[in-house]
């Protein structure tokens, strides 16, 4: 039997990796007083750092965090506290969860008059969320946005180091550089690849090797094609 002893990802500010790809987002989140009506939408692809940013922003601002798919209309009043803050993650899932659109609409209407900050995260812009409520769609379209850009080689390498460290994996010298040269600059792919390498090494009861990395990278790249 193999046991997954992965430690939870480190989501403190000190663990965040500043880079050109996230500079604008980090700057915007550090100045919520500049958000129009106290609202901001953070957009970025899978694995780009949205959850990490939202986690330490919520901790520093005393915000309540909830996923869009868990939103319910009767909870909006409790979430939007006077002078508080709310983070709704994966807002792009709101259009596919019962009651989530109505809840998000209520949150939008409650937060500003209560001076409650509202941060949403999503992979895509609101036009792609499948929203049915026209009033919610128009409000989401008008919401100020900040985007996480694609990573450069330095950020991809640093993220790989962190992902391996989160799983307490020791990798061969040069493997990080090899991966950066051979994989797409996709942080979501990096996350899936490291998880797959960890599982493969545990299954084989051996260390992570370049052969494992190469085989899995080929498989994951083909699956994404």
Protein backbone atom coordinates (compact mmCIF):
# COMPACT_ATOMS: atom_id res chain seq x y z
CA UNK A 1 0.00 0.00 0.00
CA UNK A 2 1.28 3.46 -0.89
CA UNK A 3 0.23 6.39 1.25
CA UNK A 4 -0.11 9.93 -0.07
CA UNK A 5 1.70 12.03 2.53
CA UNK A 6 1.54 15.24 0.52
CA UNK A 7 1.57 18.31 2.72
CA UNK A 8 -1.02 21.04 2.03
CA UNK A 9 0.21 23.69 -0.42
CA UNK A 10 1.78 26.70 1.27
CA UNK A 11 -0.50 29.66 0.59
CA UNK A 12 1.00 32.43 2.71
CA UNK A 13 2.21 35.66 1.12
CA UNK A 14 5.79 34.64 1.88
CA UNK A 15 5.29 31.57 -0.31
CA UNK A 16 3.98 33.53 -3.29
CA UNK A 17 6.37 33.91 -6.22
CA UNK A 18 6.26 37.46 -7.62
CA UNK A 19 6.92 37.67 -11.36
CA UNK A 20 6.01 39.83 -14.36
CA UNK A 21 3.05 37.51 -15.03
CA UNK A 22 1.42 38.36 -11.71
CA UNK A 23 2.76 41.85 -11.04
CA UNK A 24 -0.41 43.70 -12.07
CA UNK A 25 -2.66 41.34 -10.10
CA UNK A 26 -0.55 41.56 -6.96
CA UNK A 27 -0.45 45.35 -7.18
CA UNK A 28 -4.22 45.57 -7.61
CA UNK A 29 -4.96 43.22 -4.72
CA UNK A 30 -2.64 45.18 -2.46
CA UNK A 31 -4.72 48.34 -3.01
CA UNK A 32 -8.36 47.38 -2.45
CA UNK A 33 -9.06 50.99 -1.54
CA UNK A 34 -8.68 51.75 -5.25
CA UNK A 35 -11.26 49.19 -6.40
CA UNK A 36 -14.36 50.81 -7.93
CA UNK A 37 -17.18 50.25 -5.42
CA UNK A 38 -14.87 47.81 -3.59
CA UNK A 39 -15.13 45.08 -6.24
CA UNK A 40 -12.52 43.21 -8.28
CA UNK A 41 -12.43 40.20 -10.60
CA UNK A 42 -9.18 38.22 -10.80
CA UNK A 43 -8.91 36.18 -14.01
CA UNK A 44 -6.27 33.57 -14.79
CA UNK A 45 -5.90 30.06 -16.22
CA UNK A 46 -5.67 26.90 -14.15
CA UNK A 47 -2.71 26.88 -11.79
CA UNK A 48 -1.82 30.53 -12.41
CA UNK A 49 -1.94 31.49 -8.73
CA UNK A 50 -5.53 32.67 -8.22
CA UNK A 51 -6.13 30.47 -5.18
CA UNK A 52 -2.80 31.43 -3.63
CA UNK A 53 -3.46 35.15 -4.13
CA UNK A 54 -7.01 34.83 -2.84
CA UNK A 55 -5.87 32.84 0.20
CA UNK A 56 -3.37 35.34 1.55
CA UNK A 57 -5.51 38.31 0.51
CA UNK A 58 -8.40 36.82 2.50
CA UNK A 59 -6.14 36.19 5.50
CA UNK A 60 -4.81 39.76 5.45
CA UNK A 61 -8.24 41.34 5.00
CA UNK A 62 -10.27 39.06 7.26
CA UNK A 63 -12.32 37.89 4.29
CA UNK A 64 -14.70 34.99 4.16
CA UNK A 65 -13.95 32.56 1.31
CA UNK A 66 -16.48 30.46 -0.54
CA UNK A 67 -16.59 28.68 -3.88
CA UNK A 68 -19.20 29.86 -6.36
CA UNK A 69 -20.71 26.39 -6.59
CA UNK A 70 -21.43 26.50 -2.83
CA UNK A 71 -23.22 29.87 -2.92
CA UNK A 72 -26.86 29.94 -1.85
CA UNK A 73 -29.18 32.98 -1.91
CA UNK A 74 -29.97 32.78 1.81
CA UNK A 75 -26.24 33.00 2.69
CA UNK A 76 -25.52 36.28 0.89
CA UNK A 77 -26.69 38.42 3.79
CA UNK A 78 -24.34 36.64 6.21
CA UNK A 79 -21.37 36.79 3.85
CA UNK A 80 -21.64 40.54 3.17
CA UNK A 81 -20.87 41.89 6.63
CA UNK A 82 -20.51 45.59 7.42
CA UNK A 83 -16.95 46.70 6.68
CA UNK A 84 -15.96 43.13 5.89
CA UNK A 85 -14.66 41.28 2.84
CA UNK A 86 -15.73 38.28 0.76
CA UNK A 87 -13.84 36.10 -1.72
CA UNK A 88 -15.86 34.03 -4.19
CA UNK A 89 -13.59 31.54 -5.95
CA UNK A 90 -14.27 29.89 -9.31
CA UNK A 91 -16.98 32.41 -10.15
CA UNK A 92 -17.03 30.95 -13.66
CA UNK A 93 -18.91 27.98 -12.15
CA UNK A 94 -21.79 30.15 -10.94
CA UNK A 95 -23.80 29.58 -14.11
CA UNK A 96 -23.86 25.83 -13.56
CA UNK A 97 -24.81 25.64 -9.86
CA UNK A 98 -28.37 25.89 -8.56
CA UNK A 99 -28.94 29.14 -6.69
CA UNK A 100 -25.41 30.43 -7.25
CA UNK A 101 -26.37 33.14 -9.74
CA UNK A 102 -29.05 34.55 -7.44
CA UNK A 103 -26.61 34.46 -4.51
CA UNK A 104 -23.91 36.25 -6.48
CA UNK A 105 -26.44 38.86 -7.57
CA UNK A 106 -27.45 39.44 -3.94
CA UNK A 107 -23.81 39.71 -2.89
CA UNK A 108 -23.15 42.30 -5.59
CA UNK A 109 -26.07 44.41 -4.36
CA UNK A 110 -25.24 44.06 -0.67
CA UNK A 111 -21.48 44.57 -0.60
CA UNK A 112 -21.15 48.17 -1.78
CA UNK A 113 -23.67 49.77 0.62
CA UNK A 114 -22.15 47.78 3.48
CA UNK A 115 -18.60 48.85 2.56
CA UNK A 116 -17.76 45.16 2.12
CA UNK A 117 -14.97 44.26 -0.31
CA UNK A 118 -15.83 41.67 -2.97
CA UNK A 119 -13.11 39.69 -4.75
CA UNK A 120 -14.04 37.12 -7.40
CA UNK A 121 -11.68 34.67 -9.08
CA UNK A 122 -12.33 32.95 -12.40
CA UNK A 123 -10.53 31.20 -15.25
CA UNK A 124 -12.43 33.07 -17.95
CA UNK A 125 -14.22 36.40 -18.43
CA UNK A 126 -17.94 36.61 -17.51
CA UNK A 127 -19.15 36.24 -21.10
CA UNK A 128 -18.02 32.58 -20.90
CA UNK A 129 -19.70 31.73 -17.58
CA UNK A 130 -23.04 30.63 -19.00
CA UNK A 131 -24.95 33.13 -16.84
CA UNK A 132 -28.72 33.19 -17.27
CA UNK A 133 -29.68 36.25 -15.21
CA UNK A 134 -29.26 39.27 -17.51
CA UNK A 135 -28.83 41.70 -14.58
CA UNK A 136 -26.02 39.59 -13.14
CA UNK A 137 -24.35 39.22 -16.53
CA UNK A 138 -24.33 42.99 -17.08
CA UNK A 139 -22.85 43.59 -13.62
CA UNK A 140 -20.16 40.97 -14.09
CA UNK A 141 -19.27 42.39 -17.50
CA UNK A 142 -18.85 45.83 -15.93
CA UNK A 143 -16.77 44.59 -13.00
CA UNK A 144 -13.16 45.84 -12.92
CA UNK A 145 -10.76 43.07 -13.89
CA UNK A 146 -7.11 42.20 -13.42
CA UNK A 147 -5.47 39.28 -15.20
CA UNK A 148 -2.68 36.86 -14.47
CA UNK A 149 -0.44 36.52 -17.50
CA UNK A 150 1.43 33.49 -18.83
CA UNK A 151 4.54 32.56 -16.83
CA UNK A 152 8.07 33.15 -18.06
CA UNK A 153 10.75 30.48 -17.71
CA UNK A 154 11.92 31.76 -14.34
CA UNK A 155 8.41 31.64 -12.85
CA UNK A 156 7.72 28.18 -14.29
CA UNK A 157 10.97 26.89 -12.77
CA UNK A 158 10.18 28.45 -9.40
CA UNK A 159 6.67 26.99 -9.41
CA UNK A 160 8.03 23.53 -10.19
CA UNK A 161 10.46 23.83 -7.28
CA UNK A 162 7.58 24.80 -4.99
CA UNK A 163 5.32 22.00 -6.22
CA UNK A 164 8.02 19.39 -5.61
CA UNK A 165 8.76 20.90 -2.19
CA UNK A 166 5.05 20.84 -1.24
CA UNK A 167 5.13 17.09 -1.90
CA UNK A 168 8.50 16.64 -0.17
CA UNK A 169 9.97 15.22 -3.37
CA UNK A 170 13.69 15.21 -4.02
CA UNK A 171 14.36 15.41 -7.76
CA UNK A 172 17.55 14.78 -9.76
CA UNK A 173 19.88 17.66 -10.48
CA UNK A 174 18.94 19.33 -13.73
CA UNK A 175 15.40 17.96 -13.89
CA UNK A 176 13.79 21.36 -13.33
CA UNK A 177 15.83 22.93 -16.13
CA UNK A 178 14.98 19.99 -18.41
CA UNK A 179 11.26 20.34 -17.71
CA UNK A 180 11.30 24.09 -18.35
CA UNK A 181 12.90 23.49 -21.75
CA UNK A 182 10.53 20.69 -22.79
CA UNK A 183 7.10 21.62 -21.43
CA UNK A 184 4.62 24.34 -22.30
CA UNK A 185 4.61 27.38 -20.04
CA UNK A 186 1.43 26.24 -18.38
CA UNK A 187 1.21 26.26 -14.60
CA UNK A 188 -1.82 24.00 -14.64
CA UNK A 189 0.18 21.44 -16.60
CA UNK A 190 3.02 21.83 -14.09
CA UNK A 191 0.67 21.04 -11.22
CA UNK A 192 -0.77 17.95 -12.96
CA UNK A 193 2.68 16.76 -14.01
CA UNK A 194 4.18 16.96 -10.53
CA UNK A 195 1.17 15.15 -9.05
CA UNK A 196 1.46 12.41 -11.67
CA UNK A 197 5.22 12.07 -11.10
CA UNK A 198 4.64 11.75 -7.36
CA UNK A 199 2.02 9.03 -7.91
CA UNK A 200 4.23 7.16 -10.38
CA UNK A 201 7.23 7.23 -8.05
CA UNK A 202 5.13 5.95 -5.15
CA UNK A 203 3.66 3.19 -7.32
CA UNK A 204 7.16 2.13 -8.40
CA UNK A 205 8.47 2.55 -4.85
CA UNK A 206 11.41 4.51 -6.20
CA UNK A 207 12.65 8.04 -6.78
CA UNK A 208 11.43 10.56 -9.31
CA UNK A 209 13.50 10.17 -12.48
CA UNK A 210 13.83 11.97 -15.80
CA UNK A 211 12.36 8.91 -17.54
CA UNK A 212 9.22 9.17 -15.40
CA UNK A 213 9.06 12.89 -16.14
CA UNK A 214 9.48 12.38 -19.90
CA UNK A 215 6.89 9.60 -20.12
CA UNK A 216 4.29 11.52 -18.15
CA UNK A 217 4.96 14.79 -19.93
CA UNK A 218 4.29 13.07 -23.26
CA UNK A 219 1.06 11.56 -21.97
CA UNK A 220 -0.24 14.78 -20.43
CA UNK A 221 0.71 16.84 -23.48
CA UNK A 222 -1.13 14.39 -25.75
CA UNK A 223 -4.19 14.52 -23.48
CA UNK A 224 -4.19 18.33 -23.62
CA UNK A 225 -3.79 18.45 -27.40
